[in-house]
């Protein structure tokens, strides 16, 4: 594709100058002045980060629901759709507080159901074992049963215990776990489990490097000393395959909890700071660091916030920001019919979820199939953006102007021939004009939108490129992509996009042949 004719080039360049000049913006009138933004993109690969395979995942609890719901065609369809973008095997973690409450051996049907999902979608598992029991023999029997049914190719990691730093704060544990448990006792218990499970690891998985830890709730609690005990000191270093922690922006039970809480930029900046030492420890040890469990608001989320379109926008910005921070993966947490769940399981709903307003009408009905909620669209959009595992570029800047927050992330695919510029609206209730300036000569753009009428819209009103996900995990409707004209100015390509409120967009551009 060649650039426009010189006469048209001059006209478009003058328009671009007007759009970029602050004084000229005022002449355009007040309609766009408050919301207008300029995004600059440097396509240089310097400092870029390759998107890790299997970056995106989901975290389920309780494990006992596996045989009841995940073998359903609906659940398989939802996971298959998320797995269809050449991003590596999709990750399903089974854990949460329920893994430390599970005191019964699961029957073979649970593990067979998980094997079936792996065979039909290629998904891989992070399996949670009960550490709070302090019973390595029970864990050995539980895992042995699992590994007889689930192939080694389906196992990403074994996580032993959930949020062990919080054991001391739970009433049933006050006498069993000292307040400094996470400093010393935890490592002894973890080592006891690893040594007991070592024969199983070798027999079924062919390696001992399969344990993920610590999965703590307080991601500021670990220091260099704790990281060294796990990644460098014997015997745990022989088993350490992944470092993990958890993160939520706020508690759903707080008086100020609502959707604007998790869209606040300071919440994202907090986790970006918090992950730095974890990334450093993982890099030094040569193993990945994963946010094993995360979501909008903790304690099951908040109905009317965590289950709305605002959460899908949070997912996108959060996930792409974590890639830019060199995090190896993110699992969004999901349980029963909790408000924050991307996929809900109404047949297994508990009364407390109905009381919180997060249960669909079919909750408690045994034949009710799994269903998606608005956050699922955030996962789907993210998978589309990172399809084929591109590089996350460092050189994307959003002009700093007071007003509503716009975020931008640029991914480079096909050896730099294609750029995917992701724009995320995190506030504002009016259309926002965005001028995207890309260094170099690129052709016209194609814009796909994730949109809904409001930030608090439910899944029924969310569309992704004009399509919606049906109850079987299929995209229905005609795919809608808008072509965006390009102008050229001083060695850059310029695009003007009007972003609706409560939207995310992906502008895809490809390099053009320069005029000789």
Protein backbone atom coordinates (compact mmCIF):
# COMPACT_ATOMS: atom_id res chain seq x y z
CA UNK A 1 0.00 0.00 0.00
CA UNK A 2 1.36 3.45 -1.04
CA UNK A 3 0.87 6.75 0.80
CA UNK A 4 -1.76 9.20 -0.53
CA UNK A 5 -1.10 11.55 -3.50
CA UNK A 6 0.93 14.70 -2.62
CA UNK A 7 -2.09 17.04 -2.86
CA UNK A 8 -4.15 14.87 -0.50
CA UNK A 9 -1.11 14.38 1.71
CA UNK A 10 -0.81 18.16 2.17
CA UNK A 11 -4.48 18.52 3.06
CA UNK A 12 -4.40 15.70 5.57
CA UNK A 13 -1.14 16.95 7.06
CA UNK A 14 -2.64 20.37 7.69
CA UNK A 15 -5.60 18.70 9.37
CA UNK A 16 -3.22 16.67 11.51
CA UNK A 17 -1.37 19.82 12.55
CA UNK A 18 -4.66 21.36 13.61
CA UNK A 19 -5.53 18.32 15.64
CA UNK A 20 -2.17 18.34 17.36
CA UNK A 21 -1.87 22.05 18.10
CA UNK A 22 -3.32 23.03 21.51
CA UNK A 23 -4.49 26.43 20.24
CA UNK A 24 -6.25 24.88 17.29
CA UNK A 25 -8.03 22.45 19.61
CA UNK A 26 -9.83 25.34 21.26
CA UNK A 27 -11.07 26.45 17.83
CA UNK A 28 -12.72 23.07 17.36
CA UNK A 29 -15.15 23.94 20.15
CA UNK A 30 -15.80 22.59 23.61
CA UNK A 31 -17.46 19.34 22.52
CA UNK A 32 -14.19 17.41 22.31
CA UNK A 33 -11.82 19.71 24.16
CA UNK A 34 -12.06 18.14 27.61
CA UNK A 35 -11.73 14.54 26.39
CA UNK A 36 -9.25 14.91 23.54
CA UNK A 37 -6.00 12.96 23.76
CA UNK A 38 -2.90 12.40 21.65
CA UNK A 39 -1.18 9.02 21.75
CA UNK A 40 2.33 8.69 20.35
CA UNK A 41 3.74 5.32 19.35
CA UNK A 42 7.39 4.53 18.73
CA UNK A 43 7.48 1.14 16.95
CA UNK A 44 11.11 0.50 17.85
CA UNK A 45 11.54 -2.93 19.47
CA UNK A 46 14.12 -1.58 21.93
CA UNK A 47 13.13 -2.59 25.44
CA UNK A 48 10.08 -4.49 24.22
CA UNK A 49 8.74 -7.54 26.03
CA UNK A 50 7.68 -10.73 24.26
CA UNK A 51 4.21 -11.81 25.40
CA UNK A 52 4.74 -15.02 27.40
CA UNK A 53 2.91 -18.14 26.22
CA UNK A 54 -0.08 -19.14 28.36
CA UNK A 55 -0.18 -15.64 29.82
CA UNK A 56 -3.91 -15.57 30.50
CA UNK A 57 -5.73 -17.94 32.82
CA UNK A 58 -8.70 -18.41 35.09
CA UNK A 59 -8.68 -19.48 38.74
CA UNK A 60 -11.57 -21.67 39.94
CA UNK A 61 -12.84 -22.86 43.27
CA UNK A 62 -14.02 -25.25 44.60
CA UNK A 63 -12.36 -28.24 43.01
CA UNK A 64 -15.35 -30.38 43.96
CA UNK A 65 -17.44 -28.75 41.23
CA UNK A 66 -15.24 -30.03 38.43
CA UNK A 67 -17.20 -33.15 37.55
CA UNK A 68 -20.51 -31.29 37.69
CA UNK A 69 -19.88 -28.40 35.35
CA UNK A 70 -16.61 -28.31 33.42
CA UNK A 71 -17.53 -31.28 31.24
CA UNK A 72 -20.60 -29.37 30.01
CA UNK A 73 -20.52 -28.25 26.36
CA UNK A 74 -21.05 -24.65 27.49
CA UNK A 75 -17.96 -24.53 29.68
CA UNK A 76 -15.87 -26.32 27.05
CA UNK A 77 -17.08 -23.77 24.49
CA UNK A 78 -16.08 -20.81 26.66
CA UNK A 79 -12.59 -22.21 27.24
CA UNK A 80 -12.19 -23.26 23.62
CA UNK A 81 -12.96 -19.72 22.45
CA UNK A 82 -10.36 -18.26 24.80
CA UNK A 83 -7.91 -20.90 23.56
CA UNK A 84 -8.34 -20.10 19.86
CA UNK A 85 -5.86 -17.24 19.42
CA UNK A 86 -2.49 -19.02 19.34
CA UNK A 87 -1.47 -17.72 22.75
CA UNK A 88 -0.31 -21.05 24.17
CA UNK A 89 -2.43 -23.41 26.29
CA UNK A 90 -5.04 -21.60 28.35
CA UNK A 91 -4.40 -21.93 32.10
CA UNK A 92 -7.01 -23.20 34.57
CA UNK A 93 -6.00 -23.00 38.21
CA UNK A 94 -7.95 -24.96 40.82
CA UNK A 95 -7.31 -23.40 44.20
CA UNK A 96 -8.56 -20.66 46.48
CA UNK A 97 -9.55 -21.01 50.11
CA UNK A 98 -11.49 -24.16 49.26
CA UNK A 99 -8.31 -26.10 48.48
CA UNK A 100 -7.33 -25.78 52.16
CA UNK A 101 -10.80 -26.86 53.26
CA UNK A 102 -10.90 -29.98 51.13
CA UNK A 103 -10.43 -32.93 53.51
CA UNK A 104 -11.95 -35.68 51.39
CA UNK A 105 -10.39 -37.57 48.54
CA UNK A 106 -11.99 -36.67 45.23
CA UNK A 107 -13.39 -39.47 43.11
CA UNK A 108 -12.01 -40.30 39.69
CA UNK A 109 -14.86 -38.48 37.91
CA UNK A 110 -13.43 -35.13 39.02
CA UNK A 111 -10.07 -35.83 37.42
CA UNK A 112 -11.63 -37.43 34.35
CA UNK A 113 -13.69 -34.29 33.76
CA UNK A 114 -10.51 -32.21 33.90
CA UNK A 115 -8.76 -34.56 31.50
CA UNK A 116 -11.69 -34.18 29.11
CA UNK A 117 -11.42 -30.37 29.08
CA UNK A 118 -7.69 -30.65 28.41
CA UNK A 119 -8.29 -33.04 25.52
CA UNK A 120 -10.98 -30.81 23.98
CA UNK A 121 -9.37 -27.41 24.48
CA UNK A 122 -5.67 -27.93 25.18
CA UNK A 123 -6.00 -26.18 28.56
CA UNK A 124 -3.42 -26.88 31.27
CA UNK A 125 -3.86 -26.93 35.06
CA UNK A 126 -2.41 -25.52 38.20
CA UNK A 127 -3.62 -27.96 40.87
CA UNK A 128 -4.08 -26.86 44.48
CA UNK A 129 -3.40 -29.12 47.46
CA UNK A 130 -4.40 -28.67 51.10
CA UNK A 131 -1.46 -27.38 53.15
CA UNK A 132 -3.45 -26.22 56.15
CA UNK A 133 -4.10 -29.86 57.15
CA UNK A 134 -0.36 -30.38 57.50
CA UNK A 135 -0.86 -33.88 56.15
CA UNK A 136 1.58 -34.70 53.33
CA UNK A 137 0.27 -38.27 53.10
CA UNK A 138 -3.24 -37.03 52.35
CA UNK A 139 -1.83 -34.69 49.68
CA UNK A 140 0.16 -37.57 48.25
CA UNK A 141 -2.95 -39.73 47.90
CA UNK A 142 -4.99 -36.87 46.41
CA UNK A 143 -2.35 -35.97 43.85
CA UNK A 144 -1.66 -39.62 43.05
CA UNK A 145 -5.31 -40.09 42.12
CA UNK A 146 -5.20 -36.96 39.95
CA UNK A 147 -2.05 -37.94 38.08
CA UNK A 148 -3.44 -41.36 37.22
CA UNK A 149 -6.13 -39.62 35.20
CA UNK A 150 -4.58 -36.35 34.04
CA UNK A 151 -1.62 -36.57 31.63
CA UNK A 152 1.65 -34.81 32.35
CA UNK A 153 1.03 -32.53 29.35
CA UNK A 154 -1.96 -31.06 31.20
CA UNK A 155 -0.04 -30.08 34.37
CA UNK A 156 1.52 -26.62 34.54
CA UNK A 157 2.17 -26.53 38.29
CA UNK A 158 1.19 -27.87 41.70
CA UNK A 159 0.37 -25.16 44.24
CA UNK A 160 0.55 -26.34 47.85
CA UNK A 161 -1.63 -24.23 50.12
CA UNK A 162 -3.56 -21.04 49.46
CA UNK A 163 -2.51 -17.73 51.00
CA UNK A 164 -0.49 -19.30 53.83
CA UNK A 165 0.30 -15.85 55.22
CA UNK A 166 -3.36 -15.54 56.20
CA UNK A 167 -3.56 -18.83 58.11
CA UNK A 168 -2.82 -17.02 61.35
CA UNK A 169 -5.77 -14.67 60.91
CA UNK A 170 -8.42 -17.35 60.44
CA UNK A 171 -10.24 -18.27 63.62
CA UNK A 172 -9.84 -22.02 63.24
CA UNK A 173 -6.06 -21.62 62.94
CA UNK A 174 -5.22 -19.22 65.75
CA UNK A 175 -3.65 -21.87 67.96
CA UNK A 176 -2.12 -23.96 65.19
CA UNK A 177 -0.14 -21.33 63.28
CA UNK A 178 2.13 -18.74 64.93
CA UNK A 179 2.01 -15.18 63.68
CA UNK A 180 5.41 -15.52 62.03
CA UNK A 181 4.39 -18.74 60.25
CA UNK A 182 5.14 -17.31 56.81
CA UNK A 183 8.76 -16.65 57.85
CA UNK A 184 9.79 -20.11 59.08
CA UNK A 185 7.08 -22.70 59.65
CA UNK A 186 5.68 -22.36 56.16
CA UNK A 187 8.97 -23.34 54.55
CA UNK A 188 9.31 -26.41 56.75
CA UNK A 189 5.76 -27.54 55.95
CA UNK A 190 6.26 -26.86 52.24
CA UNK A 191 9.51 -28.86 52.24
CA UNK A 192 7.79 -31.78 54.01
CA UNK A 193 5.11 -31.85 51.32
CA UNK A 194 7.59 -31.55 48.44
CA UNK A 195 9.75 -34.40 49.73
CA UNK A 196 6.69 -36.59 50.25
CA UNK A 197 5.44 -35.82 46.73
CA UNK A 198 8.82 -36.17 45.02
CA UNK A 199 8.32 -39.82 43.95
CA UNK A 200 4.98 -38.89 42.35
CA UNK A 201 6.53 -35.94 40.57
CA UNK A 202 9.26 -38.09 39.08
CA UNK A 203 7.03 -41.05 38.21
CA UNK A 204 4.28 -39.05 36.48
CA UNK A 205 5.86 -35.75 35.46
CA UNK A 206 9.53 -36.67 35.04
CA UNK A 207 10.76 -33.71 37.07
CA UNK A 208 10.65 -32.23 40.54
CA UNK A 209 10.46 -28.66 39.19
CA UNK A 210 6.69 -28.44 39.33
CA UNK A 211 5.78 -26.53 42.51
CA UNK A 212 4.42 -22.99 42.47
CA UNK A 213 4.61 -20.89 45.66
CA UNK A 214 3.89 -19.05 47.88
CA UNK A 215 0.53 -17.72 46.60
CA UNK A 216 0.37 -15.19 49.43
CA UNK A 217 -2.48 -12.74 49.93
CA UNK A 218 -0.18 -9.91 51.05
CA UNK A 219 2.13 -9.39 48.11
CA UNK A 220 4.33 -7.05 50.16
CA UNK A 221 5.04 -9.61 52.88
CA UNK A 222 7.84 -11.56 51.16
CA UNK A 223 11.36 -10.14 51.18
CA UNK A 224 14.65 -11.29 49.69
CA UNK A 225 15.16 -13.72 52.57
CA UNK A 226 11.90 -15.58 51.90
CA UNK A 227 12.51 -15.63 48.16
CA UNK A 228 15.95 -17.14 48.71
CA UNK A 229 14.56 -19.92 50.94
CA UNK A 230 12.25 -20.98 48.13
CA UNK A 231 14.35 -20.44 45.00
CA UNK A 232 17.95 -20.95 46.18
CA UNK A 233 18.09 -23.04 49.35
CA UNK A 234 17.77 -26.82 49.55
CA UNK A 235 15.54 -28.68 49.42
CA UNK A 236 12.90 -26.28 48.03
CA UNK A 237 15.02 -25.00 45.16
CA UNK A 238 14.80 -28.47 43.59
CA UNK A 239 11.01 -28.09 43.38
CA UNK A 240 10.52 -24.37 42.66
CA UNK A 241 9.09 -23.95 39.17
CA UNK A 242 7.13 -20.72 39.58
CA UNK A 243 6.78 -17.81 42.01
CA UNK A 244 3.22 -16.67 42.67
CA UNK A 245 1.23 -14.12 44.61
CA UNK A 246 -2.33 -12.73 44.71
CA UNK A 247 -3.76 -9.24 44.24
CA UNK A 248 -7.12 -7.47 44.52
CA UNK A 249 -7.58 -3.72 44.23
CA UNK A 250 -9.86 -3.37 47.28
CA UNK A 251 -12.33 -5.24 49.49
CA UNK A 252 -15.88 -5.52 48.19
CA UNK A 253 -17.12 -5.07 51.77
CA UNK A 254 -15.56 -1.60 52.10
CA UNK A 255 -17.96 1.32 52.27
CA UNK A 256 -16.34 3.01 49.25
CA UNK A 257 -16.26 -0.09 47.02
CA UNK A 258 -17.73 0.41 43.54
CA UNK A 259 -16.63 0.05 39.92
CA UNK A 260 -14.69 3.33 39.96
CA UNK A 261 -12.47 1.90 42.72
CA UNK A 262 -10.82 -0.73 40.52
CA UNK A 263 -10.64 1.63 37.52
CA UNK A 264 -8.55 4.10 39.52
CA UNK A 265 -5.08 4.51 38.08
CA UNK A 266 -3.41 4.51 41.49
CA UNK A 267 -4.60 0.92 42.03
CA UNK A 268 -2.83 -0.20 38.87
CA UNK A 269 0.27 1.77 39.79
CA UNK A 270 0.27 0.02 43.17
CA UNK A 271 0.41 -3.47 41.72
CA UNK A 272 3.01 -2.36 39.16
CA UNK A 273 5.23 -1.38 42.09
CA UNK A 274 4.38 -4.51 44.05
CA UNK A 275 5.33 -6.94 41.28
CA UNK A 276 8.83 -5.54 40.75
CA UNK A 277 10.62 -7.55 43.46
CA UNK A 278 8.68 -10.68 42.48
CA UNK A 279 9.77 -10.31 38.86
CA UNK A 280 13.34 -9.72 40.04
CA UNK A 281 13.33 -12.85 42.22
CA UNK A 282 11.84 -14.96 39.44
CA UNK A 283 14.26 -13.65 36.83
CA UNK A 284 17.23 -14.31 39.10
CA UNK A 285 16.02 -17.87 39.71
CA UNK A 286 15.24 -18.47 36.02
CA UNK A 287 11.57 -19.30 36.66
CA UNK A 288 8.33 -17.44 35.83
CA UNK A 289 6.37 -15.16 38.14
CA UNK A 290 2.57 -15.40 37.91
CA UNK A 291 -0.30 -13.59 39.55
CA UNK A 292 -1.90 -16.86 40.54
CA UNK A 293 -5.16 -15.28 41.72
CA UNK A 294 -6.41 -11.77 41.06
CA UNK A 295 -9.52 -9.80 40.27
CA UNK A 296 -11.34 -6.52 40.86
CA UNK A 297 -12.63 -6.58 44.47
CA UNK A 298 -11.91 -9.32 47.01
CA UNK A 299 -14.45 -11.28 49.08
CA UNK A 300 -16.42 -12.54 46.06
CA UNK A 301 -16.53 -9.16 44.33
CA UNK A 302 -19.40 -6.68 44.31
CA UNK A 303 -22.61 -7.14 42.32
CA UNK A 304 -23.23 -4.12 40.09
CA UNK A 305 -19.48 -3.49 39.82
CA UNK A 306 -17.34 -6.62 39.52
CA UNK A 307 -19.84 -8.28 37.16
CA UNK A 308 -20.14 -5.31 34.79
CA UNK A 309 -18.44 -3.96 31.70
CA UNK A 310 -16.16 -1.84 33.89
CA UNK A 311 -14.49 -5.07 35.00
CA UNK A 312 -13.81 -6.09 31.40
CA UNK A 313 -12.04 -2.76 30.80
CA UNK A 314 -10.06 -3.26 34.01
CA UNK A 315 -9.03 -6.76 32.88
CA UNK A 316 -7.64 -5.44 29.58
CA UNK A 317 -5.60 -2.58 31.00
CA UNK A 318 -4.44 -4.69 33.95
CA UNK A 319 -3.37 -7.69 31.87
CA UNK A 320 -1.51 -5.64 29.25
CA UNK A 321 0.15 -3.56 31.97
CA UNK A 322 1.38 -6.76 33.63
CA UNK A 323 2.89 -7.94 30.35
CA UNK A 324 4.73 -4.62 30.18
CA UNK A 325 5.94 -5.25 33.74
CA UNK A 326 7.44 -8.65 32.72
CA UNK A 327 4.87 -10.70 34.63
CA UNK A 328 4.61 -14.19 33.12
CA UNK A 329 0.88 -14.70 33.61
CA UNK A 330 -2.37 -13.67 35.25
CA UNK A 331 -5.25 -15.86 36.51
CA UNK A 332 -8.55 -14.04 37.05
CA UNK A 333 -10.36 -15.62 39.98
CA UNK A 334 -13.76 -17.22 39.64
CA UNK A 335 -15.95 -19.10 42.13
CA UNK A 336 -19.50 -20.40 42.05
CA UNK A 337 -21.65 -17.36 41.19
CA UNK A 338 -19.43 -14.76 42.82
CA UNK A 339 -19.86 -11.30 41.35
CA UNK A 340 -16.29 -11.18 40.01
CA UNK A 341 -16.58 -14.48 38.13
CA UNK A 342 -16.04 -14.35 34.34
CA UNK A 343 -17.87 -17.70 34.17
CA UNK A 344 -20.62 -18.47 36.68
CA UNK A 345 -21.90 -21.89 37.76
CA UNK A 346 -25.54 -21.36 38.78
CA UNK A 347 -26.24 -25.05 39.40
CA UNK A 348 -23.81 -24.89 42.33
CA UNK A 349 -24.72 -21.45 43.63
CA UNK A 350 -24.64 -20.84 47.36
CA UNK A 351 -27.26 -18.78 49.26
CA UNK A 352 -24.82 -16.01 50.16
CA UNK A 353 -24.30 -15.17 46.49
CA UNK A 354 -28.03 -14.80 45.92
CA UNK A 355 -28.16 -12.48 48.92
CA UNK A 356 -25.47 -10.33 47.32
CA UNK A 357 -27.41 -10.06 44.06
CA UNK A 358 -24.84 -11.81 41.90
CA UNK A 359 -26.82 -15.00 41.13
CA UNK A 360 -28.80 -15.40 37.89
CA UNK A 361 -32.45 -16.45 38.10
CA UNK A 362 -31.56 -20.10 37.49
CA UNK A 363 -29.27 -20.29 40.51
CA UNK A 364 -29.64 -23.50 42.46
CA UNK A 365 -31.30 -25.39 39.62
CA UNK A 366 -29.33 -28.60 39.03
CA UNK A 367 -29.59 -28.44 35.24
CA UNK A 368 -28.57 -24.79 34.91
CA UNK A 369 -25.50 -24.59 32.63
CA UNK A 370 -22.42 -22.41 33.15
CA UNK A 371 -22.74 -18.91 31.72
CA UNK A 372 -20.48 -15.94 31.08
CA UNK A 373 -20.57 -12.52 32.67
CA UNK A 374 -19.20 -9.20 31.41
CA UNK A 375 -15.61 -9.75 32.66
CA UNK A 376 -15.31 -12.66 30.22
CA UNK A 377 -15.25 -10.12 27.39
CA UNK A 378 -12.18 -8.51 28.92
CA UNK A 379 -10.39 -11.86 28.80
CA UNK A 380 -11.52 -12.43 25.22
CA UNK A 381 -10.39 -8.98 24.06
CA UNK A 382 -7.01 -9.53 25.73
CA UNK A 383 -6.55 -12.85 23.95
CA UNK A 384 -7.36 -11.17 20.63
CA UNK A 385 -4.81 -8.44 21.33
CA UNK A 386 -2.01 -10.90 22.18
CA UNK A 387 -2.89 -13.42 19.45
CA UNK A 388 0.23 -15.08 18.08
CA UNK A 389 2.32 -13.79 21.02
CA UNK A 390 3.53 -10.40 19.75
CA UNK A 391 5.91 -8.02 21.50
CA UNK A 392 4.72 -5.35 23.94
CA UNK A 393 6.40 -2.09 22.95
CA UNK A 394 7.72 0.35 25.52
CA UNK A 395 7.43 3.53 23.44
CA UNK A 396 3.72 4.34 23.76
CA UNK A 397 2.81 7.59 25.48
CA UNK A 398 -0.53 9.24 26.23
CA UNK A 399 -0.52 13.02 26.36
CA UNK A 400 -0.97 14.13 29.96
CA UNK A 401 -4.05 16.32 30.08
CA UNK A 402 -6.35 16.72 33.07
CA UNK A 403 -9.59 14.84 32.73
CA UNK A 404 -10.68 11.27 32.23
CA UNK A 405 -8.07 8.53 31.99
CA UNK A 406 -7.18 6.96 28.65
CA UNK A 407 -4.68 4.09 28.58
CA UNK A 408 -2.77 2.90 25.54
CA UNK A 409 -0.68 -0.21 24.89
CA UNK A 410 1.02 -1.19 21.61
CA UNK A 411 1.81 -4.72 20.51
CA UNK A 412 4.09 -5.43 17.56
CA UNK A 413 3.46 -8.55 15.45
CA UNK A 414 4.82 -10.06 12.25
CA UNK A 415 8.36 -8.78 12.86
CA UNK A 416 7.15 -5.23 13.31
CA UNK A 417 5.05 -5.16 10.16
CA UNK A 418 1.82 -4.98 12.16
CA UNK A 419 1.01 -2.82 15.18
CA UNK A 420 -1.98 -3.36 17.46
CA UNK A 421 -2.67 -0.18 19.41
CA UNK A 422 -5.04 -0.86 22.30
CA UNK A 423 -6.94 2.11 23.75
CA UNK A 424 -8.88 1.72 27.01
CA UNK A 425 -11.35 4.28 28.36
CA UNK A 426 -11.28 4.21 32.16
CA UNK A 427 -13.68 7.06 32.81
CA UNK A 428 -15.84 9.72 31.24
CA UNK A 429 -19.34 9.60 29.81
CA UNK A 430 -18.80 11.45 26.51
CA UNK A 431 -17.08 10.46 23.29
CA UNK A 432 -13.34 11.00 23.32
CA UNK A 433 -11.36 12.03 20.25
CA UNK A 434 -7.96 10.35 20.14
CA UNK A 435 -5.21 11.20 17.67
CA UNK A 436 -2.70 8.37 17.36
CA UNK A 437 0.69 9.35 15.98
CA UNK A 438 2.93 6.46 14.91
CA UNK A 439 6.55 7.03 13.93
CA UNK A 440 7.09 5.68 10.41
CA UNK A 441 4.92 5.10 7.36
CA UNK A 442 1.92 2.84 7.95
CA UNK A 443 -1.26 2.27 5.96
CA UNK A 444 -4.87 2.88 6.93
CA UNK A 445 -6.03 1.38 10.19
CA UNK A 446 -8.75 -1.09 11.19
CA UNK A 447 -10.52 -0.39 14.48
CA UNK A 448 -12.39 -2.99 16.55
CA UNK A 449 -14.33 -1.90 19.63
CA UNK A 450 -15.33 -3.56 22.87
CA UNK A 451 -18.33 -1.48 23.84
CA UNK A 452 -21.38 -1.20 26.06
CA UNK A 453 -23.86 1.59 26.79
CA UNK A 454 -22.44 2.21 30.28
CA UNK A 455 -19.58 1.16 32.52
CA UNK A 456 -22.09 -0.73 34.67
CA UNK A 457 -23.68 -2.58 31.74
CA UNK A 458 -24.13 -6.33 32.16
CA UNK A 459 -22.92 -8.93 29.70
CA UNK A 460 -26.14 -8.89 27.67
CA UNK A 461 -25.27 -5.38 26.45
CA UNK A 462 -21.56 -5.86 25.73
CA UNK A 463 -20.32 -6.32 22.17
CA UNK A 464 -16.86 -7.16 20.86
CA UNK A 465 -16.32 -5.97 17.28
CA UNK A 466 -20.11 -5.96 16.98
CA UNK A 467 -20.40 -9.59 18.08
CA UNK A 468 -21.55 -11.33 21.24
CA UNK A 469 -20.66 -14.66 22.84
CA UNK A 470 -23.63 -17.03 22.96
CA UNK A 471 -24.41 -19.67 25.57
CA UNK A 472 -22.21 -22.23 23.77
CA UNK A 473 -19.10 -20.07 23.59
CA UNK A 474 -19.53 -19.02 19.96
CA UNK A 475 -19.19 -15.51 18.55
CA UNK A 476 -22.47 -14.53 16.89
CA UNK A 477 -23.25 -11.67 14.55
CA UNK A 478 -21.38 -9.91 11.80
CA UNK A 479 -17.91 -8.80 12.78
CA UNK A 480 -17.69 -5.00 12.67
CA UNK A 481 -14.39 -3.28 11.93
CA UNK A 482 -14.13 0.43 11.06
CA UNK A 483 -11.49 1.62 8.62
CA UNK A 484 -9.51 4.63 9.86
CA UNK A 485 -7.87 6.98 7.36
CA UNK A 486 -4.20 7.80 7.69
CA UNK A 487 -2.43 11.13 7.30
CA UNK A 488 1.35 11.68 7.09
CA UNK A 489 3.26 14.35 8.95
CA UNK A 490 7.00 14.74 9.50
CA UNK A 491 7.79 11.04 9.18
CA UNK A 492 4.79 9.86 11.18
CA UNK A 493 1.43 8.28 10.40
CA UNK A 494 -1.60 9.83 12.07
CA UNK A 495 -5.02 8.38 12.84
CA UNK A 496 -8.04 10.09 14.39
CA UNK A 497 -10.39 7.86 16.36
CA UNK A 498 -13.55 8.81 18.24
CA UNK A 499 -13.75 6.46 21.23
CA UNK A 500 -17.20 6.03 22.78
CA UNK A 501 -17.46 6.15 26.57
CA UNK A 502 -17.07 2.80 28.34
CA UNK A 503 -15.06 1.27 25.49
CA UNK A 504 -11.78 -0.31 24.53
CA UNK A 505 -10.49 -0.26 20.99
CA UNK A 506 -7.82 -2.08 19.03
CA UNK A 507 -6.42 -0.11 16.10
CA UNK A 508 -4.47 -2.41 13.76
CA UNK A 509 -2.08 -0.84 11.24
CA UNK A 510 0.48 -2.33 8.88
CA UNK A 511 3.61 -0.82 7.39
CA UNK A 512 3.18 0.82 3.99
CA UNK A 513 5.67 1.15 1.12
CA UNK A 514 7.39 4.52 1.26
CA UNK A 515 7.41 6.76 -1.83
CA UNK A 516 10.69 6.64 -3.72
